[in-house]
C-alpha atoms as a PDB file:
ATOM      1  CA  MET A   1       6.367  16.944   7.634  1.00  0.00           C
ATOM      2  CA  TRP A   2       4.215  19.151   9.607  1.00  0.00           C
ATOM      3  CA  THR A   3       6.308  22.480  10.330  1.00  0.00           C
ATOM      4  CA  ASP A   4       4.416  25.564  11.164  1.00  0.00           C
ATOM      5  CA  LYS A   5       4.817  26.882   7.174  1.00  0.00           C
ATOM      6  CA  ASN A   6       2.891  24.144   6.466  1.00  0.00           C
ATOM      7  CA  ARG A   7       0.417  23.833   8.842  1.00  0.00           C
ATOM      8  CA  ALA A   8      -0.589  27.789   7.397  1.00  0.00           C
ATOM      9  CA  LYS A   9      -0.486  26.280   3.847  1.00  0.00           C
ATOM     10  CA  TYR A  10      -2.650  23.642   4.163  1.00  0.00           C
ATOM     11  CA  ASN A  11      -5.268  25.192   6.533  1.00  0.00           C
ATOM     12  CA  ARG A  12      -8.749  25.127   5.365  1.00  0.00           C
ATOM     13  CA  ASP A  13     -10.304  26.806   7.859  1.00  0.00           C
ATOM     14  CA  HIS A  14     -11.004  29.967   5.706  1.00  0.00           C
ATOM     15  CA  LEU A  15     -13.101  27.817   3.184  1.00  0.00           C
ATOM     16  CA  ARG A  16     -16.461  28.578   2.479  1.00  0.00           C
ATOM     17  CA  TYR A  17     -17.221  24.809   2.979  1.00  0.00           C
ATOM     18  CA  PRO A  18     -15.152  23.067   5.396  1.00  0.00           C
ATOM     19  CA  ARG A  19     -14.538  19.126   5.469  1.00  0.00           C
ATOM     20  CA  GLN A  20     -17.050  17.607   7.280  1.00  0.00           C
ATOM     21  CA  ILE A  21     -15.239  14.154   7.449  1.00  0.00           C
ATOM     22  CA  ASP A  22     -12.648  13.523   9.796  1.00  0.00           C
ATOM     23  CA  MET A  23      -9.846  12.349   7.366  1.00  0.00           C
ATOM     24  CA  ARG A  24      -8.351  10.221  10.232  1.00  0.00           C
ATOM     25  CA  ALA A  25     -11.310   8.087  10.576  1.00  0.00           C
ATOM     26  CA  VAL A  26     -11.429   7.612   7.095  1.00  0.00           C
ATOM     27  CA  MET A  27      -7.784   6.355   6.650  1.00  0.00           C
ATOM     28  CA  ASN A  28      -8.231   4.230   9.815  1.00  0.00           C
ATOM     29  CA  GLY A  29     -11.168   2.482   7.961  1.00  0.00           C
ATOM     30  CA  VAL A  30      -9.176   2.151   4.837  1.00  0.00           C
ATOM     31  CA  MET A  31      -6.317   0.640   7.251  1.00  0.00           C
ATOM     32  CA  TYR A  32      -8.996  -1.712   8.279  1.00  0.00           C
ATOM     33  CA  ILE A  33     -10.211  -3.389   4.998  1.00  0.00           C
ATOM     34  CA  LEU A  34      -6.331  -3.447   3.713  1.00  0.00           C
ATOM     35  CA  SER A  35      -5.660  -5.152   6.841  1.00  0.00           C
ATOM     36  CA  THR A  36      -8.458  -7.554   7.815  1.00  0.00           C
ATOM     37  CA  GLY A  37      -9.509  -8.097   4.041  1.00  0.00           C
ATOM     38  CA  CYS A  38     -13.342  -7.712   5.194  1.00  0.00           C
ATOM     39  CA  GLN A  39     -16.153  -6.883   2.751  1.00  0.00           C
ATOM     40  CA  TRP A  40     -16.770  -3.376   2.201  1.00  0.00           C
ATOM     41  CA  ARG A  41     -20.284  -4.059   3.780  1.00  0.00           C
ATOM     42  CA  ALA A  42     -18.890  -5.422   6.722  1.00  0.00           C
ATOM     43  CA  ILE A  43     -16.663  -2.657   7.636  1.00  0.00           C
ATOM     44  CA  PRO A  44     -17.496  -1.440  11.276  1.00  0.00           C
ATOM     45  CA  LYS A  45     -20.134   1.402  12.426  1.00  0.00           C
ATOM     46  CA  ASP A  46     -17.043   3.071  13.863  1.00  0.00           C
ATOM     47  CA  PHE A  47     -15.872   4.364  10.882  1.00  0.00           C
ATOM     48  CA  PRO A  48     -17.429   6.763   8.414  1.00  0.00           C
ATOM     49  CA  SER A  49     -20.017   5.313   6.163  1.00  0.00           C
ATOM     50  CA  ARG A  50     -18.641   2.733   3.534  1.00  0.00           C
ATOM     51  CA  SER A  51     -19.247   4.663   0.509  1.00  0.00           C
ATOM     52  CA  THR A  52     -16.962   7.610   1.757  1.00  0.00           C
ATOM     53  CA  VAL A  53     -14.110   5.122   2.770  1.00  0.00           C
ATOM     54  CA  HIS A  54     -14.506   3.769  -0.585  1.00  0.00           C
ATOM     55  CA  ARG A  55     -14.579   6.791  -2.375  1.00  0.00           C
ATOM     56  CA  TYR A  56     -11.596   8.023  -0.678  1.00  0.00           C
ATOM     57  CA  PHE A  57      -9.817   4.432  -0.990  1.00  0.00           C
ATOM     58  CA  ILE A  58     -10.201   4.596  -5.099  1.00  0.00           C
ATOM     59  CA  TRP A  59      -8.988   8.178  -5.168  1.00  0.00           C
ATOM     60  CA  TRP A  60      -5.935   7.296  -3.019  1.00  0.00           C
ATOM     61  CA  GLN A  61      -5.438   4.135  -5.085  1.00  0.00           C
ATOM     62  CA  CYS A  62      -5.619   5.596  -8.611  1.00  0.00           C
ATOM     63  CA  ASP A  63      -3.524   8.902  -7.289  1.00  0.00           C
ATOM     64  CA  GLY A  64      -0.938   6.416  -6.294  1.00  0.00           C
ATOM     65  CA  VAL A  65      -1.231   8.041  -2.411  1.00  0.00           C
ATOM     66  CA  LEU A  66      -1.627   4.395  -1.322  1.00  0.00           C
ATOM     67  CA  ASP A  67       1.692   3.517  -2.167  1.00  0.00           C
ATOM     68  CA  GLN A  68       3.466   6.689  -0.988  1.00  0.00           C
ATOM     69  CA  ILE A  69       1.707   5.958   2.234  1.00  0.00           C
ATOM     70  CA  HIS A  70       3.053   2.255   2.125  1.00  0.00           C
ATOM     71  CA  ASP A  71       6.165   3.126   1.140  1.00  0.00           C
ATOM     72  CA  ALA A  72       7.096   6.029   3.869  1.00  0.00           C
ATOM     73  CA  LEU A  73       5.788   3.640   6.391  1.00  0.00           C
ATOM     74  CA  TYR A  74       7.780   0.662   5.316  1.00  0.00           C
ATOM     75  CA  VAL A  75      11.108   3.222   5.566  1.00  0.00           C
ATOM     76  CA  GLU A  76       9.897   4.262   8.806  1.00  0.00           C
ATOM     77  CA  CYS A  77       9.463   0.508  10.298  1.00  0.00           C
ATOM     78  CA  ARG A  78      12.863  -0.223   8.816  1.00  0.00           C
ATOM     79  CA  GLU A  79      14.745   2.694  10.443  1.00  0.00           C
ATOM     80  CA  ASN A  80      12.813   2.453  13.644  1.00  0.00           C
ATOM     81  CA  ALA A  81      14.333  -1.426  13.615  1.00  0.00           C
ATOM     82  CA  GLU A  82      17.986   0.174  13.130  1.00  0.00           C
ATOM     83  CA  ARG A  83      17.914  -1.084   9.544  1.00  0.00           C
ATOM     84  CA  ASP A  84      18.765   0.796   6.119  1.00  0.00           C
ATOM     85  CA  ALA A  85      15.834   2.056   4.710  1.00  0.00           C
ATOM     86  CA  SER A  86      15.460  -0.247   1.914  1.00  0.00           C
ATOM     87  CA  PRO A  87      16.897  -3.924   2.170  1.00  0.00           C
ATOM     88  CA  SER A  88      20.415  -4.555   0.690  1.00  0.00           C
ATOM     89  CA  ALA A  89      19.923  -8.929   0.331  1.00  0.00           C
ATOM     90  CA  CYS A  90      17.500 -11.251  -0.731  1.00  0.00           C
ATOM     91  CA  ILE A  91      16.395 -14.730   0.807  1.00  0.00           C
ATOM     92  CA  ILE A  92      15.407 -17.540  -1.744  1.00  0.00           C
ATOM     93  CA  ASP A  93      14.040 -20.661  -0.341  1.00  0.00           C
ATOM     94  CA  SER A  94      15.372 -23.700  -1.703  1.00  0.00           C
ATOM     95  CA  GLN A  95      11.340 -24.581  -2.948  1.00  0.00           C
ATOM     96  CA  SER A  96      12.013 -21.474  -5.503  1.00  0.00           C
ATOM     97  CA  VAL A  97      15.541 -22.897  -6.553  1.00  0.00           C
ATOM     98  CA  LYS A  98      14.199 -26.411  -7.329  1.00  0.00           C
ATOM     99  CA  SER A  99      11.080 -25.366  -9.180  1.00  0.00           C
ATOM    100  CA  ALA A 100      13.229 -23.113 -11.367  1.00  0.00           C
ATOM    101  CA  GLU A 101      15.665 -25.581 -12.015  1.00  0.00           C
ATOM    102  CA  LYS A 102      12.869 -28.288 -12.855  1.00  0.00           C
ATOM    103  CA  GLY A 103      10.611 -26.130 -15.320  1.00  0.00           C
ATOM    104  CA  GLY A 104      13.353 -22.997 -16.637  1.00  0.00           C
ATOM    105  CA  SER A 105      16.340 -25.342 -18.600  1.00  0.00           C
ATOM    106  CA  ALA A 106      13.814 -27.881 -20.085  1.00  0.00           C
ATOM    107  CA  SER A 107      11.215 -25.448 -21.279  1.00  0.00           C
ATOM    108  CA  ILE A 108      13.917 -23.386 -23.147  1.00  0.00           C
ATOM    109  CA  ARG A 109      15.599 -26.545 -24.527  1.00  0.00           C
ATOM    110  CA  THR A 110      12.415 -27.472 -26.247  1.00  0.00           C
ATOM    111  CA  ALA A 111      11.909 -23.719 -27.589  1.00  0.00           C
ATOM    112  CA  SER A 112      14.825 -23.650 -28.871  1.00  0.00           C
ATOM    113  CA  MET A 113      15.429 -27.305 -30.838  1.00  0.00           C
ATOM    114  CA  ARG A 114      14.446 -27.382 -34.410  1.00  0.00           C
ATOM    115  CA  ALA A 115      10.944 -29.371 -35.662  1.00  0.00           C
ATOM    116  CA  ASN A 116      12.231 -32.753 -37.580  1.00  0.00           C
END
């Protein structure tokens, strides 16, 4: 959460080489790629260059930042919908149950039978 204490801690104005890329625009570019599934070379010109967006995407993916963002947004959306932060139930459709019944028990029996 951004507080006055955190803002002072992460203030980058005093650095010799300030960041010249708008990180919000980079994040929007990453979210655009993830939500639309478009190719990197087809990223619109509204975002920073595709190499910049791709570089940050790879860094964030390797560091686990994208997973943390996903988890935080997931919890936030569930709480905004007045639900628990994590689901407490699971839905299994009838097709999943049927396929598990067909393949599961037969393959176990044949694997456990002794060869003649």
